[in-house]
Amino acid sequence: MRLIAVALLIPVLAVASDDPFDPFNRPVSLFWWKASSKDSYVTTPERGYTKGYCHGVMLAYLNQLKSWCVPDEVTWREVQDFLGMEVATANIEPLTQLDIGTWIANAIEVRWPCNTEDS
């Protein structure tokens, strides 16, 4: 009887250990990041609860930027506050497939465009 129980348990354990935390091994959605930014910048900025999460997400994606044309006199806080407020107030659909890194790169390019003049 034990042999049968063990034989039945092994496939169950293999499947269970394969992906125990399914939603946590996927990239953060743009809409979820917007919601946390809205909470930290618009709804309850005095609490600041989600600001660390919001900034962590943006810093992770800022590391992927191919170009950076933010002027030297602009502080990291200014960049973070700009991105946090922009995404908090942006019109983003809940099921959007737009990548956060793409959104951040576009927002920075609009605010601090790179000089593309030919010399």
PDB file of N, CA and C in Angstrom:
ATOM      1  N   MET A   1       0.822  -1.190   0.000  1.00  0.00           N
ATOM      2  CA  MET A   1       0.000   0.000   0.000  1.00  0.00           C
ATOM      3  C   MET A   1       0.873   1.263   0.000  1.00  0.00           C
ATOM      4  N   ARG A   2       1.931   1.223   0.799  1.00  0.00           N
ATOM      5  CA  ARG A   2       2.828   2.384   0.841  1.00  0.00           C
ATOM      6  C   ARG A   2       3.490   2.617  -0.511  1.00  0.00           C
ATOM      7  N   LEU A   3       3.823   1.545  -1.184  1.00  0.00           N
ATOM      8  CA  LEU A   3       4.457   1.658  -2.486  1.00  0.00           C
ATOM      9  C   LEU A   3       3.534   2.352  -3.485  1.00  0.00           C
ATOM     10  N   ILE A   4       2.268   2.057  -3.432  1.00  0.00           N
ATOM     11  CA  ILE A   4       1.295   2.703  -4.313  1.00  0.00           C
ATOM     12  C   ILE A   4       1.173   4.184  -3.969  1.00  0.00           C
ATOM     13  N   ALA A   5       1.117   4.507  -2.675  1.00  0.00           N
ATOM     14  CA  ALA A   5       1.002   5.901  -2.235  1.00  0.00           C
ATOM     15  C   ALA A   5       2.222   6.708  -2.680  1.00  0.00           C
ATOM     16  N   VAL A   6       3.407   6.132  -2.531  1.00  0.00           N
ATOM     17  CA  VAL A   6       4.640   6.809  -2.940  1.00  0.00           C
ATOM     18  C   VAL A   6       4.663   6.986  -4.456  1.00  0.00           C
ATOM     19  N   ALA A   7       4.249   5.964  -5.186  1.00  0.00           N
ATOM     20  CA  ALA A   7       4.227   6.051  -6.644  1.00  0.00           C
ATOM     21  C   ALA A   7       3.268   7.128  -7.125  1.00  0.00           C
ATOM     22  N   LEU A   8       2.164   7.306  -6.444  1.00  0.00           N
ATOM     23  CA  LEU A   8       1.206   8.341  -6.808  1.00  0.00           C
ATOM     24  C   LEU A   8       1.672   9.728  -6.373  1.00  0.00           C
ATOM     25  N   LEU A   9       2.421   9.802  -5.302  1.00  0.00           N
ATOM     26  CA  LEU A   9       2.866  11.078  -4.751  1.00  0.00           C
ATOM     27  C   LEU A   9       4.014  11.695  -5.551  1.00  0.00           C
ATOM     28  N   ILE A  10       4.879  10.885  -6.112  1.00  0.00           N
ATOM     29  CA  ILE A  10       6.044  11.406  -6.838  1.00  0.00           C
ATOM     30  C   ILE A  10       5.644  12.313  -8.005  1.00  0.00           C
ATOM     31  N   PRO A  11       4.735  11.929  -8.906  1.00  0.00           N
ATOM     32  CA  PRO A  11       4.359  12.860  -9.989  1.00  0.00           C
ATOM     33  C   PRO A  11       3.710  14.141  -9.477  1.00  0.00           C
ATOM     34  N   VAL A  12       2.948  14.044  -8.399  1.00  0.00           N
ATOM     35  CA  VAL A  12       2.310  15.234  -7.831  1.00  0.00           C
ATOM     36  C   VAL A  12       3.364  16.198  -7.306  1.00  0.00           C
ATOM     37  N   LEU A  13       4.352  15.669  -6.605  1.00  0.00           N
ATOM     38  CA  LEU A  13       5.420  16.520  -6.068  1.00  0.00           C
ATOM     39  C   LEU A  13       6.253  17.124  -7.191  1.00  0.00           C
ATOM     40  N   ALA A  14       6.495  16.381  -8.230  1.00  0.00           N
ATOM     41  CA  ALA A  14       7.276  16.909  -9.356  1.00  0.00           C
ATOM     42  C   ALA A  14       6.568  18.082 -10.007  1.00  0.00           C
ATOM     43  N   VAL A  15       5.265  17.965 -10.203  1.00  0.00           N
ATOM     44  CA  VAL A  15       4.491  19.051 -10.794  1.00  0.00           C
ATOM     45  C   VAL A  15       4.421  20.229  -9.839  1.00  0.00           C
ATOM     46  N   ALA A  16       4.227  19.977  -8.554  1.00  0.00           N
ATOM     47  CA  ALA A  16       4.105  21.040  -7.554  1.00  0.00           C
ATOM     48  C   ALA A  16       5.412  21.803  -7.404  1.00  0.00           C
ATOM     49  N   SER A  17       6.538  21.120  -7.473  1.00  0.00           N
ATOM     50  CA  SER A  17       7.814  21.815  -7.292  1.00  0.00           C
ATOM     51  C   SER A  17       8.277  22.508  -8.569  1.00  0.00           C
ATOM     52  N   ASP A  18       7.644  22.189  -9.677  1.00  0.00           N
ATOM     53  CA  ASP A  18       8.025  22.780 -10.946  1.00  0.00           C
ATOM     54  C   ASP A  18       7.842  24.298 -10.959  1.00  0.00           C
ATOM     55  N   ASP A  19       6.759  24.810 -10.426  1.00  0.00           N
ATOM     56  CA  ASP A  19       6.467  26.239 -10.480  1.00  0.00           C
ATOM     57  C   ASP A  19       5.549  26.631  -9.323  1.00  0.00           C
ATOM     58  N   PRO A  20       6.064  26.637  -8.089  1.00  0.00           N
ATOM     59  CA  PRO A  20       5.182  26.857  -6.948  1.00  0.00           C
ATOM     60  C   PRO A  20       4.601  28.269  -6.853  1.00  0.00           C
ATOM     61  N   PHE A  21       5.282  29.256  -7.387  1.00  0.00           N
ATOM     62  CA  PHE A  21       4.826  30.636  -7.275  1.00  0.00           C
ATOM     63  C   PHE A  21       4.654  31.230  -8.669  1.00  0.00           C
ATOM     64  N   ASP A  22       3.726  30.693  -9.407  1.00  0.00           N
ATOM     65  CA  ASP A  22       3.543  31.052 -10.803  1.00  0.00           C
ATOM     66  C   ASP A  22       3.504  32.552 -11.074  1.00  0.00           C
ATOM     67  N   PRO A  23       2.705  33.353 -10.361  1.00  0.00           N
ATOM     68  CA  PRO A  23       2.662  34.772 -10.734  1.00  0.00           C
ATOM     69  C   PRO A  23       3.927  35.548 -10.407  1.00  0.00           C
ATOM     70  N   PHE A  24       4.794  35.019  -9.558  1.00  0.00           N
ATOM     71  CA  PHE A  24       5.948  35.782  -9.115  1.00  0.00           C
ATOM     72  C   PHE A  24       7.177  35.613  -9.998  1.00  0.00           C
ATOM     73  N   ASN A  25       7.111  34.722 -10.973  1.00  0.00           N
ATOM     74  CA  ASN A  25       8.276  34.560 -11.840  1.00  0.00           C
ATOM     75  C   ASN A  25       8.047  35.209 -13.200  1.00  0.00           C
ATOM     76  N   ARG A  26       7.135  36.135 -13.259  1.00  0.00           N
ATOM     77  CA  ARG A  26       6.836  36.844 -14.501  1.00  0.00           C
ATOM     78  C   ARG A  26       7.203  38.314 -14.337  1.00  0.00           C
ATOM     79  N   PRO A  27       7.473  39.001 -15.431  1.00  0.00           N
ATOM     80  CA  PRO A  27       7.767  40.436 -15.335  1.00  0.00           C
ATOM     81  C   PRO A  27       6.581  41.212 -14.749  1.00  0.00           C
ATOM     82  N   VAL A  28       6.886  42.295 -14.099  1.00  0.00           N
ATOM     83  CA  VAL A  28       5.856  43.157 -13.539  1.00  0.00           C
ATOM     84  C   VAL A  28       5.065  43.784 -14.683  1.00  0.00           C
ATOM     85  N   SER A  29       3.764  43.840 -14.537  1.00  0.00           N
ATOM     86  CA  SER A  29       2.967  44.465 -15.592  1.00  0.00           C
ATOM     87  C   SER A  29       3.006  45.979 -15.434  1.00  0.00           C
ATOM     88  N   LEU A  30       2.877  46.662 -16.536  1.00  0.00           N
ATOM     89  CA  LEU A  30       2.858  48.119 -16.534  1.00  0.00           C
ATOM     90  C   LEU A  30       1.685  48.637 -15.709  1.00  0.00           C
ATOM     91  N   PHE A  31       0.533  47.984 -15.804  1.00  0.00           N
ATOM     92  CA  PHE A  31      -0.636  48.431 -15.051  1.00  0.00           C
ATOM     93  C   PHE A  31      -0.419  48.259 -13.547  1.00  0.00           C
ATOM     94  N   TRP A  32       0.230  47.179 -13.128  1.00  0.00           N
ATOM     95  CA  TRP A  32       0.509  46.962 -11.700  1.00  0.00           C
ATOM     96  C   TRP A  32       1.481  48.020 -11.188  1.00  0.00           C
ATOM     97  N   TRP A  33       2.491  48.351 -11.989  1.00  0.00           N
ATOM     98  CA  TRP A  33       3.442  49.392 -11.606  1.00  0.00           C
ATOM     99  C   TRP A  33       2.732  50.738 -11.515  1.00  0.00           C
ATOM    100  N   LYS A  34       1.823  51.007 -12.453  1.00  0.00           N
ATOM    101  CA  LYS A  34       1.040  52.243 -12.419  1.00  0.00           C
ATOM    102  C   LYS A  34       0.238  52.324 -11.122  1.00  0.00           C
ATOM    103  N   ALA A  35      -0.395  51.224 -10.731  1.00  0.00           N
ATOM    104  CA  ALA A  35      -1.210  51.216  -9.512  1.00  0.00           C
ATOM    105  C   ALA A  35      -0.364  51.512  -8.282  1.00  0.00           C
ATOM    106  N   SER A  36       0.820  50.933  -8.172  1.00  0.00           N
ATOM    107  CA  SER A  36       1.669  51.199  -7.011  1.00  0.00           C
ATOM    108  C   SER A  36       2.198  52.626  -7.044  1.00  0.00           C
ATOM    109  N   SER A  37       2.493  53.132  -8.228  1.00  0.00           N
ATOM    110  CA  SER A  37       2.955  54.521  -8.345  1.00  0.00           C
ATOM    111  C   SER A  37       1.840  55.497  -8.002  1.00  0.00           C
ATOM    112  N   LYS A  38       0.627  55.177  -8.418  1.00  0.00           N
ATOM    113  CA  LYS A  38      -0.506  56.048  -8.095  1.00  0.00           C
ATOM    114  C   LYS A  38      -0.717  56.092  -6.589  1.00  0.00           C
ATOM    115  N   ASP A  39      -0.590  54.945  -5.934  1.00  0.00           N
ATOM    116  CA  ASP A  39      -0.746  54.912  -4.484  1.00  0.00           C
ATOM    117  C   ASP A  39       0.332  55.743  -3.796  1.00  0.00           C
ATOM    118  N   SER A  40       1.570  55.660  -4.280  1.00  0.00           N
ATOM    119  CA  SER A  40       2.653  56.371  -3.598  1.00  0.00           C
ATOM    120  C   SER A  40       2.796  57.829  -3.996  1.00  0.00           C
ATOM    121  N   TYR A  41       2.327  58.224  -5.182  1.00  0.00           N
ATOM    122  CA  TYR A  41       2.489  59.608  -5.621  1.00  0.00           C
ATOM    123  C   TYR A  41       1.201  60.432  -5.601  1.00  0.00           C
ATOM    124  N   VAL A  42       0.038  59.794  -5.692  1.00  0.00           N
ATOM    125  CA  VAL A  42      -1.216  60.541  -5.814  1.00  0.00           C
ATOM    126  C   VAL A  42      -2.161  60.269  -4.645  1.00  0.00           C
ATOM    127  N   THR A  43      -2.491  59.008  -4.416  1.00  0.00           N
ATOM    128  CA  THR A  43      -3.510  58.650  -3.431  1.00  0.00           C
ATOM    129  C   THR A  43      -3.052  58.902  -1.999  1.00  0.00           C
ATOM    130  N   THR A  44      -1.929  58.318  -1.605  1.00  0.00           N
ATOM    131  CA  THR A  44      -1.429  58.469  -0.235  1.00  0.00           C
ATOM    132  C   THR A  44       0.077  58.754  -0.221  1.00  0.00           C
ATOM    133  N   PRO A  45       0.500  59.892  -0.759  1.00  0.00           N
ATOM    134  CA  PRO A  45       1.942  60.169  -0.805  1.00  0.00           C
ATOM    135  C   PRO A  45       2.569  60.353   0.577  1.00  0.00           C
ATOM    136  N   GLU A  46       1.774  60.761   1.554  1.00  0.00           N
ATOM    137  CA  GLU A  46       2.315  60.944   2.906  1.00  0.00           C
ATOM    138  C   GLU A  46       2.719  59.622   3.537  1.00  0.00           C
ATOM    139  N   ARG A  47       2.068  58.550   3.128  1.00  0.00           N
ATOM    140  CA  ARG A  47       2.382  57.235   3.680  1.00  0.00           C
ATOM    141  C   ARG A  47       3.651  56.680   3.075  1.00  0.00           C
ATOM    142  N   GLY A  48       3.829  56.868   1.802  1.00  0.00           N
ATOM    143  CA  GLY A  48       5.044  56.423   1.127  1.00  0.00           C
ATOM    144  C   GLY A  48       5.269  54.931   1.127  1.00  0.00           C
ATOM    145  N   TYR A  49       4.236  54.155   1.419  1.00  0.00           N
ATOM    146  CA  TYR A  49       4.371  52.704   1.557  1.00  0.00           C
ATOM    147  C   TYR A  49       4.894  52.040   0.290  1.00  0.00           C
ATOM    148  N   THR A  50       4.330  52.388  -0.834  1.00  0.00           N
ATOM    149  CA  THR A  50       4.703  51.693  -2.063  1.00  0.00           C
ATOM    150  C   THR A  50       5.800  52.396  -2.851  1.00  0.00           C
ATOM    151  N   LYS A  51       6.310  53.490  -2.344  1.00  0.00           N
ATOM    152  CA  LYS A  51       7.333  54.235  -3.089  1.00  0.00           C
ATOM    153  C   LYS A  51       8.591  53.384  -3.304  1.00  0.00           C
ATOM    154  N   GLY A  52       8.982  52.596  -2.331  1.00  0.00           N
ATOM    155  CA  GLY A  52      10.152  51.737  -2.487  1.00  0.00           C
ATOM    156  C   GLY A  52       9.954  50.712  -3.584  1.00  0.00           C
ATOM    157  N   TYR A  53       8.776  50.132  -3.635  1.00  0.00           N
ATOM    158  CA  TYR A  53       8.461  49.165  -4.690  1.00  0.00           C
ATOM    159  C   TYR A  53       8.464  49.858  -6.044  1.00  0.00           C
ATOM    160  N   CYS A  54       7.805  50.992  -6.114  1.00  0.00           N
ATOM    161  CA  CYS A  54       7.703  51.762  -7.361  1.00  0.00           C
ATOM    162  C   CYS A  54       9.101  52.119  -7.866  1.00  0.00           C
ATOM    163  N   HIS A  55       9.963  52.604  -6.982  1.00  0.00           N
ATOM    164  CA  HIS A  55      11.317  52.977  -7.373  1.00  0.00           C
ATOM    165  C   HIS A  55      12.155  51.761  -7.738  1.00  0.00           C
ATOM    166  N   GLY A  56      11.954  50.654  -7.035  1.00  0.00           N
ATOM    167  CA  GLY A  56      12.689  49.429  -7.353  1.00  0.00           C
ATOM    168  C   GLY A  56      12.396  48.944  -8.761  1.00  0.00           C
ATOM    169  N   VAL A  57      11.132  48.991  -9.131  1.00  0.00           N
ATOM    170  CA  VAL A  57      10.744  48.581 -10.484  1.00  0.00           C
ATOM    171  C   VAL A  57      11.392  49.499 -11.503  1.00  0.00           C
ATOM    172  N   MET A  58      11.308  50.807 -11.287  1.00  0.00           N
ATOM    173  CA  MET A  58      11.865  51.717 -12.295  1.00  0.00           C
ATOM    174  C   MET A  58      13.381  51.606 -12.379  1.00  0.00           C
ATOM    175  N   LEU A  59      14.063  51.408 -11.267  1.00  0.00           N
ATOM    176  CA  LEU A  59      15.521  51.277 -11.308  1.00  0.00           C
ATOM    177  C   LEU A  59      15.941  50.009 -12.044  1.00  0.00           C
ATOM    178  N   ALA A  60      15.196  48.935 -11.848  1.00  0.00           N
ATOM    179  CA  ALA A  60      15.505  47.694 -12.563  1.00  0.00           C
ATOM    180  C   ALA A  60      15.412  47.902 -14.071  1.00  0.00           C
ATOM    181  N   TYR A  61      14.390  48.612 -14.500  1.00  0.00           N
ATOM    182  CA  TYR A  61      14.218  48.836 -15.941  1.00  0.00           C
ATOM    183  C   TYR A  61      15.129  49.942 -16.460  1.00  0.00           C
ATOM    184  N   LEU A  62      15.494  50.911 -15.630  1.00  0.00           N
ATOM    185  CA  LEU A  62      16.433  51.952 -16.070  1.00  0.00           C
ATOM    186  C   LEU A  62      17.788  51.351 -16.416  1.00  0.00           C
ATOM    187  N   ASN A  63      18.145  50.252 -15.759  1.00  0.00           N
ATOM    188  CA  ASN A  63      19.424  49.592 -16.046  1.00  0.00           C
ATOM    189  C   ASN A  63      19.466  49.011 -17.457  1.00  0.00           C
ATOM    190  N   GLN A  64      18.325  48.869 -18.093  1.00  0.00           N
ATOM    191  CA  GLN A  64      18.274  48.289 -19.438  1.00  0.00           C
ATOM    192  C   GLN A  64      18.307  49.340 -20.545  1.00  0.00           C
ATOM    193  N   LEU A  65      18.284  50.614 -20.176  1.00  0.00           N
ATOM    194  CA  LEU A  65      18.260  51.667 -21.197  1.00  0.00           C
ATOM    195  C   LEU A  65      19.510  51.619 -22.067  1.00  0.00           C
ATOM    196  N   LYS A  66      19.323  51.805 -23.353  1.00  0.00           N
ATOM    197  CA  LYS A  66      20.448  51.820 -24.282  1.00  0.00           C
ATOM    198  C   LYS A  66      21.077  53.210 -24.380  1.00  0.00           C
ATOM    199  N   SER A  67      20.280  54.245 -24.107  1.00  0.00           N
ATOM    200  CA  SER A  67      20.821  55.604 -24.118  1.00  0.00           C
ATOM    201  C   SER A  67      20.266  56.365 -22.922  1.00  0.00           C
ATOM    202  N   TRP A  68      21.032  57.334 -22.473  1.00  0.00           N
ATOM    203  CA  TRP A  68      20.661  58.123 -21.312  1.00  0.00           C
ATOM    204  C   TRP A  68      21.061  59.552 -21.582  1.00  0.00           C
ATOM    205  N   CYS A  69      20.083  60.412 -21.795  1.00  0.00           N
ATOM    206  CA  CYS A  69      20.382  61.801 -22.141  1.00  0.00           C
ATOM    207  C   CYS A  69      19.854  62.768 -21.091  1.00  0.00           C
ATOM    208  N   VAL A  70      19.649  62.287 -19.877  1.00  0.00           N
ATOM    209  CA  VAL A  70      19.222  63.157 -18.790  1.00  0.00           C
ATOM    210  C   VAL A  70      20.417  64.045 -18.430  1.00  0.00           C
ATOM    211  N   PRO A  71      20.206  65.356 -18.360  1.00  0.00           N
ATOM    212  CA  PRO A  71      21.320  66.259 -18.034  1.00  0.00           C
ATOM    213  C   PRO A  71      21.947  65.943 -16.674  1.00  0.00           C
ATOM    214  N   ASP A  72      23.232  66.235 -16.551  1.00  0.00           N
ATOM    215  CA  ASP A  72      23.967  65.939 -15.324  1.00  0.00           C
ATOM    216  C   ASP A  72      23.387  66.634 -14.097  1.00  0.00           C
ATOM    217  N   GLU A  73      22.789  67.817 -14.278  1.00  0.00           N
ATOM    218  CA  GLU A  73      22.266  68.568 -13.126  1.00  0.00           C
ATOM    219  C   GLU A  73      20.933  68.008 -12.602  1.00  0.00           C
ATOM    220  N   VAL A  74      20.331  67.083 -13.326  1.00  0.00           N
ATOM    221  CA  VAL A  74      19.079  66.463 -12.887  1.00  0.00           C
ATOM    222  C   VAL A  74      19.414  65.329 -11.927  1.00  0.00           C
ATOM    223  N   THR A  75      18.800  65.348 -10.736  1.00  0.00           N
ATOM    224  CA  THR A  75      19.090  64.329  -9.726  1.00  0.00           C
ATOM    225  C   THR A  75      18.286  63.052  -9.982  1.00  0.00           C
ATOM    226  N   TRP A  76      18.732  61.964  -9.350  1.00  0.00           N
ATOM    227  CA  TRP A  76      17.995  60.703  -9.443  1.00  0.00           C
ATOM    228  C   TRP A  76      16.588  60.873  -8.892  1.00  0.00           C
ATOM    229  N   ARG A  77      16.456  61.634  -7.820  1.00  0.00           N
ATOM    230  CA  ARG A  77      15.128  61.844  -7.238  1.00  0.00           C
ATOM    231  C   ARG A  77      14.195  62.524  -8.237  1.00  0.00           C
ATOM    232  N   GLU A  78      14.718  63.504  -8.980  1.00  0.00           N
ATOM    233  CA  GLU A  78      13.897  64.174  -9.989  1.00  0.00           C
ATOM    234  C   GLU A  78      13.447  63.195 -11.079  1.00  0.00           C
ATOM    235  N   VAL A  79      14.350  62.328 -11.503  1.00  0.00           N
ATOM    236  CA  VAL A  79      14.002  61.333 -12.515  1.00  0.00           C
ATOM    237  C   VAL A  79      12.947  60.385 -11.962  1.00  0.00           C
ATOM    238  N   GLN A  80      13.154  59.893 -10.737  1.00  0.00           N
ATOM    239  CA  GLN A  80      12.199  58.966 -10.127  1.00  0.00           C
ATOM    240  C   GLN A  80      10.842  59.628  -9.907  1.00  0.00           C
ATOM    241  N   ASP A  81      10.844  60.855  -9.413  1.00  0.00           N
ATOM    242  CA  ASP A  81       9.577  61.558  -9.203  1.00  0.00           C
ATOM    243  C   ASP A  81       8.863  61.814 -10.530  1.00  0.00           C
ATOM    244  N   PHE A  82       9.625  62.168 -11.553  1.00  0.00           N
ATOM    245  CA  PHE A  82       9.024  62.381 -12.871  1.00  0.00           C
ATOM    246  C   PHE A  82       8.364  61.101 -13.377  1.00  0.00           C
ATOM    247  N   LEU A  83       9.116  60.003 -13.367  1.00  0.00           N
ATOM    248  CA  LEU A  83       8.567  58.737 -13.868  1.00  0.00           C
ATOM    249  C   LEU A  83       7.396  58.258 -13.018  1.00  0.00           C
ATOM    250  N   GLY A  84       7.510  58.384 -11.698  1.00  0.00           N
ATOM    251  CA  GLY A  84       6.431  57.952 -10.811  1.00  0.00           C
ATOM    252  C   GLY A  84       5.145  58.723 -11.043  1.00  0.00           C
ATOM    253  N   MET A  85       5.240  60.039 -11.189  1.00  0.00           N
ATOM    254  CA  MET A  85       4.042  60.849 -11.436  1.00  0.00           C
ATOM    255  C   MET A  85       3.487  60.607 -12.832  1.00  0.00           C
ATOM    256  N   GLU A  86       4.355  60.457 -13.805  1.00  0.00           N
ATOM    257  CA  GLU A  86       3.892  60.237 -15.173  1.00  0.00           C
ATOM    258  C   GLU A  86       3.122  58.925 -15.303  1.00  0.00           C
ATOM    259  N   VAL A  87       3.680  57.857 -14.745  1.00  0.00           N
ATOM    260  CA  VAL A  87       2.983  56.575 -14.875  1.00  0.00           C
ATOM    261  C   VAL A  87       1.721  56.561 -14.011  1.00  0.00           C
ATOM    262  N   ALA A  88       1.757  57.255 -12.871  1.00  0.00           N
ATOM    263  CA  ALA A  88       0.587  57.299 -11.981  1.00  0.00           C
ATOM    264  C   ALA A  88      -0.600  57.973 -12.640  1.00  0.00           C
ATOM    265  N   THR A  89      -0.332  58.938 -13.499  1.00  0.00           N
ATOM    266  CA  THR A  89      -1.416  59.696 -14.140  1.00  0.00           C
ATOM    267  C   THR A  89      -1.642  59.300 -15.600  1.00  0.00           C
ATOM    268  N   ALA A  90      -0.885  58.335 -16.091  1.00  0.00           N
ATOM    269  CA  ALA A  90      -1.019  57.904 -17.486  1.00  0.00           C
ATOM    270  C   ALA A  90      -2.286  57.082 -17.693  1.00  0.00           C
ATOM    271  N   ASN A  91      -2.786  57.102 -18.901  1.00  0.00           N
ATOM    272  CA  ASN A  91      -3.957  56.311 -19.259  1.00  0.00           C
ATOM    273  C   ASN A  91      -3.463  54.958 -19.778  1.00  0.00           C
ATOM    274  N   ILE A  92      -3.427  53.976 -18.886  1.00  0.00           N
ATOM    275  CA  ILE A  92      -2.901  52.652 -19.226  1.00  0.00           C
ATOM    276  C   ILE A  92      -3.998  51.618 -19.005  1.00  0.00           C
ATOM    277  N   GLU A  93      -4.243  50.815 -20.004  1.00  0.00           N
ATOM    278  CA  GLU A  93      -5.263  49.765 -19.919  1.00  0.00           C
ATOM    279  C   GLU A  93      -4.781  48.637 -19.010  1.00  0.00           C
ATOM    280  N   PRO A  94      -5.686  48.029 -18.240  1.00  0.00           N
ATOM    281  CA  PRO A  94      -5.282  46.958 -17.316  1.00  0.00           C
ATOM    282  C   PRO A  94      -4.580  45.778 -17.985  1.00  0.00           C
ATOM    283  N   LEU A  95      -4.937  45.416 -19.183  1.00  0.00           N
ATOM    284  CA  LEU A  95      -4.349  44.245 -19.842  1.00  0.00           C
ATOM    285  C   LEU A  95      -3.301  44.616 -20.888  1.00  0.00           C
ATOM    286  N   THR A  96      -2.725  45.803 -20.780  1.00  0.00           N
ATOM    287  CA  THR A  96      -1.717  46.225 -21.748  1.00  0.00           C
ATOM    288  C   THR A  96      -0.524  45.264 -21.744  1.00  0.00           C
ATOM    289  N   GLN A  97       0.039  45.063 -22.899  1.00  0.00           N
ATOM    290  CA  GLN A  97       1.222  44.210 -23.041  1.00  0.00           C
ATOM    291  C   GLN A  97       2.500  45.046 -23.215  1.00  0.00           C
ATOM    292  N   LEU A  98       2.373  46.373 -23.112  1.00  0.00           N
ATOM    293  CA  LEU A  98       3.532  47.251 -23.255  1.00  0.00           C
ATOM    294  C   LEU A  98       4.520  46.987 -22.130  1.00  0.00           C
ATOM    295  N   ASP A  99       5.774  46.854 -22.493  1.00  0.00           N
ATOM    296  CA  ASP A  99       6.849  46.595 -21.542  1.00  0.00           C
ATOM    297  C   ASP A  99       7.168  47.863 -20.737  1.00  0.00           C
ATOM    298  N   ILE A 100       7.415  47.698 -19.449  1.00  0.00           N
ATOM    299  CA  ILE A 100       7.746  48.846 -18.597  1.00  0.00           C
ATOM    300  C   ILE A 100       9.009  49.541 -19.103  1.00  0.00           C
ATOM    301  N   GLY A 101      10.007  48.785 -19.513  1.00  0.00           N
ATOM    302  CA  GLY A 101      11.243  49.378 -20.023  1.00  0.00           C
ATOM    303  C   GLY A 101      11.006  50.248 -21.241  1.00  0.00           C
ATOM    304  N   THR A 102      10.131  49.802 -22.127  1.00  0.00           N
ATOM    305  CA  THR A 102       9.789  50.598 -23.311  1.00  0.00           C
ATOM    306  C   THR A 102       9.072  51.867 -22.898  1.00  0.00           C
ATOM    307  N   TRP A 103       8.139  51.759 -21.956  1.00  0.00           N
ATOM    308  CA  TRP A 103       7.404  52.928 -21.481  1.00  0.00           C
ATOM    309  C   TRP A 103       8.366  53.933 -20.846  1.00  0.00           C
ATOM    310  N   ILE A 104       9.278  53.459 -20.005  1.00  0.00           N
ATOM    311  CA  ILE A 104      10.246  54.337 -19.334  1.00  0.00           C
ATOM    312  C   ILE A 104      11.159  55.010 -20.361  1.00  0.00           C
ATOM    313  N   ALA A 105      11.668  54.242 -21.306  1.00  0.00           N
ATOM    314  CA  ALA A 105      12.554  54.814 -22.333  1.00  0.00           C
ATOM    315  C   ALA A 105      11.838  55.907 -23.114  1.00  0.00           C
ATOM    316  N   ASN A 106      10.587  55.675 -23.467  1.00  0.00           N
ATOM    317  CA  ASN A 106       9.816  56.685 -24.198  1.00  0.00           C
ATOM    318  C   ASN A 106       9.547  57.920 -23.345  1.00  0.00           C
ATOM    319  N   ALA A 107       9.215  57.733 -22.076  1.00  0.00           N
ATOM    320  CA  ALA A 107       8.947  58.874 -21.195  1.00  0.00           C
ATOM    321  C   ALA A 107      10.199  59.728 -21.009  1.00  0.00           C
ATOM    322  N   ILE A 108      11.339  59.086 -20.826  1.00  0.00           N
ATOM    323  CA  ILE A 108      12.594  59.832 -20.661  1.00  0.00           C
ATOM    324  C   ILE A 108      12.964  60.548 -21.957  1.00  0.00           C
ATOM    325  N   GLU A 109      12.747  59.901 -23.082  1.00  0.00           N
ATOM    326  CA  GLU A 109      13.058  60.526 -24.372  1.00  0.00           C
ATOM    327  C   GLU A 109      12.185  61.750 -24.614  1.00  0.00           C
ATOM    328  N   VAL A 110      10.931  61.706 -24.180  1.00  0.00           N
ATOM    329  CA  VAL A 110      10.043  62.867 -24.339  1.00  0.00           C
ATOM    330  C   VAL A 110      10.502  63.999 -23.428  1.00  0.00           C
ATOM    331  N   ARG A 111      10.838  63.671 -22.178  1.00  0.00           N
ATOM    332  CA  ARG A 111      11.216  64.701 -21.191  1.00  0.00           C
ATOM    333  C   ARG A 111      12.626  65.235 -21.418  1.00  0.00           C
ATOM    334  N   TRP A 112      13.571  64.336 -21.684  1.00  0.00           N
ATOM    335  CA  TRP A 112      14.967  64.708 -21.894  1.00  0.00           C
ATOM    336  C   TRP A 112      15.455  64.065 -23.190  1.00  0.00           C
ATOM    337  N   PRO A 113      15.077  64.626 -24.326  1.00  0.00           N
ATOM    338  CA  PRO A 113      15.443  63.997 -25.603  1.00  0.00           C
ATOM    339  C   PRO A 113      16.950  64.045 -25.854  1.00  0.00           C
ATOM    340  N   CYS A 114      17.415  63.009 -26.502  1.00  0.00           N
ATOM    341  CA  CYS A 114      18.828  62.981 -26.908  1.00  0.00           C
ATOM    342  C   CYS A 114      19.003  63.895 -28.106  1.00  0.00           C
ATOM    343  N   ASN A 115      20.137  64.544 -28.168  1.00  0.00           N
ATOM    344  CA  ASN A 115      20.443  65.425 -29.285  1.00  0.00           C
ATOM    345  C   ASN A 115      20.835  64.543 -30.475  1.00  0.00           C
ATOM    346  N   THR A 116      20.030  64.586 -31.518  1.00  0.00           N
ATOM    347  CA  THR A 116      20.296  63.728 -32.678  1.00  0.00           C
ATOM    348  C   THR A 116      20.801  64.527 -33.872  1.00  0.00           C
ATOM    349  N   GLU A 117      21.275  65.737 -33.642  1.00  0.00           N
ATOM    350  CA  GLU A 117      21.789  66.561 -34.735  1.00  0.00           C
ATOM    351  C   GLU A 117      23.060  65.936 -35.303  1.00  0.00           C
ATOM    352  N   ASP A 118      23.183  65.953 -36.616  1.00  0.00           N
ATOM    353  CA  ASP A 118      24.426  65.488 -37.247  1.00  0.00           C
ATOM    354  C   ASP A 118      25.443  66.620 -37.190  1.00  0.00           C
ATOM    355  N   SER A 119      26.662  66.279 -36.827  1.00  0.00           N
ATOM    356  CA  SER A 119      27.682  67.315 -36.739  1.00  0.00           C
ATOM    357  C   SER A 119      28.652  67.225 -37.878  1.00  0.00           C
TER     358      SER A 119
END
